[in-house]
């Protein structure tokens, strides 16, 4: 009587070595996720660090407001404490309705806001962009040509500061770059070390990276330096 040989082992059965390899991978993934959770604050802060340009502020007689949550208050404080002599406010070319007086121009509310903070009207100066292709850096470069002795402190939101510095260095003449330094404005609701905890901070982080990438690849910033408020993102949804 012949003996039937046992069937060969199934090739689909997992091998011990394969099981061990996958087990190690799962353990490594779990450890990685745990470390990412534990050190999430340091990691997220590190992601925002490239957006911030660490420039030491220098004495300046002119304050240029680019953006930032409390930039107007800081500019007014510099004037009232005699640290600066003038404030520059950039405005876009007037629209048709503004030119006809149907809507107020862009400069008047800015001037009124600064006056409410104790700044006299004679201290505030408007630098108007010529057209839609003109930028604030172009307007500032023209102003510096007319004021060769002036030194400017440009106030901007901290997570836009590297992009702003990049634009300044690309536009200003080499001799004028040292006459302009940045003043980082920290928002009252968030900063680089806790931006992920608020909607406003997330919006600023995303906008900062998009502007920096566009500036690096195309040489343009989002909407020519028009800094959107967090409510703009909320209304768009």
Protein backbone atom coordinates (compact mmCIF):
# COMPACT_ATOMS: atom_id res chain seq x y z
CA UNK A 1 0.00 0.00 0.00
CA UNK A 2 1.53 3.28 -1.11
CA UNK A 3 1.78 6.27 1.23
CA UNK A 4 0.47 9.62 -0.02
CA UNK A 5 3.08 12.34 0.59
CA UNK A 6 1.92 15.40 2.58
CA UNK A 7 1.12 18.53 0.53
CA UNK A 8 3.93 21.08 0.22
CA UNK A 9 3.69 24.11 2.52
CA UNK A 10 1.70 26.99 1.06
CA UNK A 11 3.83 29.68 -0.48
CA UNK A 12 1.32 32.27 0.80
CA UNK A 13 2.05 31.54 4.41
CA UNK A 14 4.02 34.45 5.96
CA UNK A 15 7.58 33.72 6.76
CA UNK A 16 8.89 34.41 10.26
CA UNK A 17 11.50 36.84 8.86
CA UNK A 18 8.82 38.85 7.03
CA UNK A 19 6.67 39.02 10.15
CA UNK A 20 9.62 40.21 12.19
CA UNK A 21 10.49 42.86 9.63
CA UNK A 22 6.96 44.28 9.59
CA UNK A 23 6.82 44.21 13.37
CA UNK A 24 9.98 46.30 13.56
CA UNK A 25 8.59 48.76 11.04
CA UNK A 26 5.38 49.19 13.02
CA UNK A 27 7.36 49.74 16.19
CA UNK A 28 9.51 52.38 14.48
CA UNK A 29 6.42 54.14 13.12
CA UNK A 30 4.79 54.12 16.55
CA UNK A 31 7.94 55.49 18.18
CA UNK A 32 8.22 58.16 15.48
CA UNK A 33 4.61 59.25 16.00
CA UNK A 34 5.11 59.34 19.75
CA UNK A 35 8.24 61.49 19.43
CA UNK A 36 6.48 63.81 16.95
CA UNK A 37 3.65 64.27 19.45
CA UNK A 38 5.96 64.87 22.39
CA UNK A 39 8.14 67.35 20.49
CA UNK A 40 5.36 68.84 18.31
CA UNK A 41 5.90 72.36 19.65
CA UNK A 42 9.59 72.34 18.71
CA UNK A 43 8.85 70.82 15.29
CA UNK A 44 6.09 73.30 14.42
CA UNK A 45 8.14 76.21 15.69
CA UNK A 46 11.01 75.02 13.49
CA UNK A 47 8.72 75.04 10.45
CA UNK A 48 8.00 78.73 11.02
CA UNK A 49 11.61 79.71 11.70
CA UNK A 50 12.63 80.08 8.00
CA UNK A 51 9.88 82.69 7.57
CA UNK A 52 11.43 85.00 10.17
CA UNK A 53 14.39 87.21 9.31
CA UNK A 54 16.45 87.77 12.47
CA UNK A 55 17.59 91.34 11.88
CA UNK A 56 18.68 93.63 14.70
CA UNK A 57 16.78 96.90 14.73
CA UNK A 58 18.75 100.09 14.24
CA UNK A 59 17.88 103.72 15.02
CA UNK A 60 15.71 105.23 12.29
CA UNK A 61 14.05 108.57 11.72
CA UNK A 62 11.31 107.14 9.48
CA UNK A 63 8.81 104.37 10.21
CA UNK A 64 7.34 102.49 7.24
CA UNK A 65 4.17 100.52 7.97
CA UNK A 66 3.91 97.38 5.86
CA UNK A 67 1.69 95.28 8.10
CA UNK A 68 1.24 93.65 11.45
CA UNK A 69 -1.40 93.47 14.15
CA UNK A 70 -0.17 96.44 16.21
CA UNK A 71 2.12 98.16 13.72
CA UNK A 72 0.20 101.45 13.92
CA UNK A 73 0.45 101.52 17.71
CA UNK A 74 4.16 100.81 17.57
CA UNK A 75 4.74 103.50 14.95
CA UNK A 76 2.77 106.01 17.01
CA UNK A 77 4.79 105.13 20.11
CA UNK A 78 8.03 105.77 18.23
CA UNK A 79 6.80 109.21 17.22
CA UNK A 80 5.50 110.14 20.66
CA UNK A 81 8.72 109.00 22.32
CA UNK A 82 10.79 111.02 19.81
CA UNK A 83 12.47 107.91 18.41
CA UNK A 84 11.36 108.76 14.86
CA UNK A 85 10.28 111.89 13.01
CA UNK A 86 7.83 110.63 10.38
CA UNK A 87 5.62 107.72 9.37
CA UNK A 88 5.29 106.53 5.78
CA UNK A 89 2.04 104.91 4.65
CA UNK A 90 1.88 103.27 1.23
CA UNK A 91 -1.39 103.44 -0.69
CA UNK A 92 -2.60 101.93 -3.94
CA UNK A 93 -3.70 104.04 -6.92
CA UNK A 94 -7.25 105.37 -6.35
CA UNK A 95 -10.10 103.45 -7.85
CA UNK A 96 -12.62 105.18 -10.12
CA UNK A 97 -15.09 105.55 -7.25
CA UNK A 98 -12.41 106.93 -4.95
CA UNK A 99 -11.28 109.42 -7.60
CA UNK A 100 -14.90 110.64 -7.95
CA UNK A 101 -15.31 110.97 -4.19
CA UNK A 102 -17.98 108.27 -3.95
CA UNK A 103 -15.77 106.22 -1.64
CA UNK A 104 -13.15 107.54 0.76
CA UNK A 105 -9.57 107.20 -0.38
CA UNK A 106 -7.26 104.65 1.19
CA UNK A 107 -5.04 107.18 2.95
CA UNK A 108 -7.63 109.10 4.98
CA UNK A 109 -8.67 106.22 7.30
CA UNK A 110 -5.01 105.37 7.91
CA UNK A 111 -4.20 108.96 8.78
CA UNK A 112 -7.26 109.22 11.02
CA UNK A 113 -6.27 106.03 12.82
CA UNK A 114 -2.79 107.35 13.54
CA UNK A 115 -4.21 110.69 14.69
CA UNK A 116 -6.43 108.84 17.16
CA UNK A 117 -3.22 107.42 18.64
CA UNK A 118 -1.84 110.91 19.21
CA UNK A 119 0.17 111.36 15.99
CA UNK A 120 -0.18 114.75 14.33
CA UNK A 121 -1.20 114.86 10.67
CA UNK A 122 2.00 116.60 9.63
CA UNK A 123 4.09 113.62 10.71
CA UNK A 124 2.30 111.12 8.46
CA UNK A 125 3.38 111.01 4.81
CA UNK A 126 1.75 109.10 1.96
CA UNK A 127 3.78 107.26 -0.66
CA UNK A 128 1.41 106.29 -3.45
CA UNK A 129 1.97 103.46 -5.86
CA UNK A 130 1.84 104.59 -9.49
CA UNK A 131 -0.11 101.67 -10.97
CA UNK A 132 -1.04 98.04 -10.42
CA UNK A 133 2.46 96.92 -11.43
CA UNK A 134 4.11 99.23 -8.92
CA UNK A 135 5.14 97.80 -5.53
CA UNK A 136 5.85 99.20 -2.12
CA UNK A 137 9.55 98.51 -2.54
CA UNK A 138 9.52 100.53 -5.79
CA UNK A 139 7.79 103.41 -4.04
CA UNK A 140 10.17 103.22 -1.10
CA UNK A 141 13.18 103.21 -3.43
CA UNK A 142 11.93 106.42 -5.09
CA UNK A 143 11.33 108.00 -1.69
CA UNK A 144 14.85 107.12 -0.53
CA UNK A 145 16.28 108.75 -3.65
CA UNK A 146 14.53 111.99 -2.65
CA UNK A 147 15.65 111.68 0.99
CA UNK A 148 19.31 110.58 0.89
CA UNK A 149 19.85 111.15 4.64
CA UNK A 150 16.80 109.20 5.85
CA UNK A 151 16.96 105.86 7.61
CA UNK A 152 13.89 103.66 7.70
CA UNK A 153 12.47 101.04 10.02
CA UNK A 154 10.03 98.82 8.10
CA UNK A 155 7.37 97.32 10.37
CA UNK A 156 6.06 93.97 9.16
CA UNK A 157 4.49 90.83 10.59
CA UNK A 158 7.25 88.51 11.81
CA UNK A 159 6.27 85.54 9.61
CA UNK A 160 6.47 87.76 6.52
CA UNK A 161 9.81 89.31 7.45
CA UNK A 162 12.10 87.11 5.34
CA UNK A 163 9.99 87.70 2.25
CA UNK A 164 9.92 91.45 2.96
CA UNK A 165 13.71 91.56 3.41
CA UNK A 166 14.14 89.58 0.21
CA UNK A 167 12.00 92.06 -1.73
CA UNK A 168 13.86 95.02 -0.27
CA UNK A 169 17.26 93.60 -1.19
CA UNK A 170 16.10 92.87 -4.73
CA UNK A 171 14.67 96.33 -5.31
CA UNK A 172 16.80 98.80 -3.36
CA UNK A 173 20.14 100.01 -4.57
CA UNK A 174 23.10 98.49 -2.68
CA UNK A 175 23.83 101.83 -1.01
CA UNK A 176 20.23 102.07 0.25
CA UNK A 177 19.93 98.58 1.73
CA UNK A 178 21.86 99.49 4.86
CA UNK A 179 19.55 102.46 5.35
CA UNK A 180 16.56 100.18 5.79
CA UNK A 181 16.08 97.64 8.56
CA UNK A 182 13.13 95.53 9.66
CA UNK A 183 11.04 95.81 12.79
CA UNK A 184 9.20 92.55 13.48
CA UNK A 185 5.64 92.99 14.67
CA UNK A 186 4.35 90.12 16.81
CA UNK A 187 0.61 89.54 16.64
CA UNK A 188 -1.31 89.74 19.89
CA UNK A 189 -3.03 86.41 19.19
CA UNK A 190 -0.09 84.30 18.04
CA UNK A 191 3.64 84.20 17.36
CA UNK A 192 6.13 81.89 15.66
CA UNK A 193 6.16 79.55 18.69
CA UNK A 194 2.39 78.95 18.92
CA UNK A 195 0.98 79.74 15.47
CA UNK A 196 -0.81 76.37 15.18
CA UNK A 197 -3.07 77.12 18.15
CA UNK A 198 -5.25 79.70 16.38
CA UNK A 199 -6.90 80.16 13.02
CA UNK A 200 -5.17 83.50 12.61
CA UNK A 201 -1.78 81.91 13.21
CA UNK A 202 -2.40 79.11 10.72
CA UNK A 203 -3.50 81.65 8.11
CA UNK A 204 -0.35 83.71 8.70
CA UNK A 205 1.85 80.60 8.49
CA UNK A 206 0.33 79.43 5.20
CA UNK A 207 0.40 82.94 3.70
CA UNK A 208 4.00 83.42 4.78
CA UNK A 209 5.18 80.21 3.14
CA UNK A 210 3.18 80.83 -0.06
CA UNK A 211 4.62 84.35 -0.36
CA UNK A 212 8.15 83.15 0.28
CA UNK A 213 7.89 80.33 -2.27
CA UNK A 214 6.41 82.64 -4.91
CA UNK A 215 9.09 85.21 -4.20
CA UNK A 216 11.82 82.59 -4.59
CA UNK A 217 10.41 81.04 -7.76
CA UNK A 218 8.74 83.94 -9.54
CA UNK A 219 9.83 87.10 -7.80
CA UNK A 220 6.29 88.10 -6.85
CA UNK A 221 4.53 88.20 -3.54
CA UNK A 222 0.87 87.46 -2.98
CA UNK A 223 -1.20 90.43 -4.11
CA UNK A 224 1.79 92.77 -4.07
CA UNK A 225 2.26 92.85 -0.30
CA UNK A 226 -1.42 93.18 0.52
CA UNK A 227 -1.51 91.43 3.88
CA UNK A 228 -4.84 89.69 4.36
CA UNK A 229 -6.48 89.77 7.75
CA UNK A 230 -7.54 86.44 9.29
CA UNK A 231 -11.18 87.47 8.80
CA UNK A 232 -10.57 87.55 5.04
CA UNK A 233 -9.91 83.81 5.13
CA UNK A 234 -12.98 83.20 7.27
CA UNK A 235 -15.26 85.20 4.95
CA UNK A 236 -13.95 83.35 1.88
CA UNK A 237 -15.03 79.95 3.16
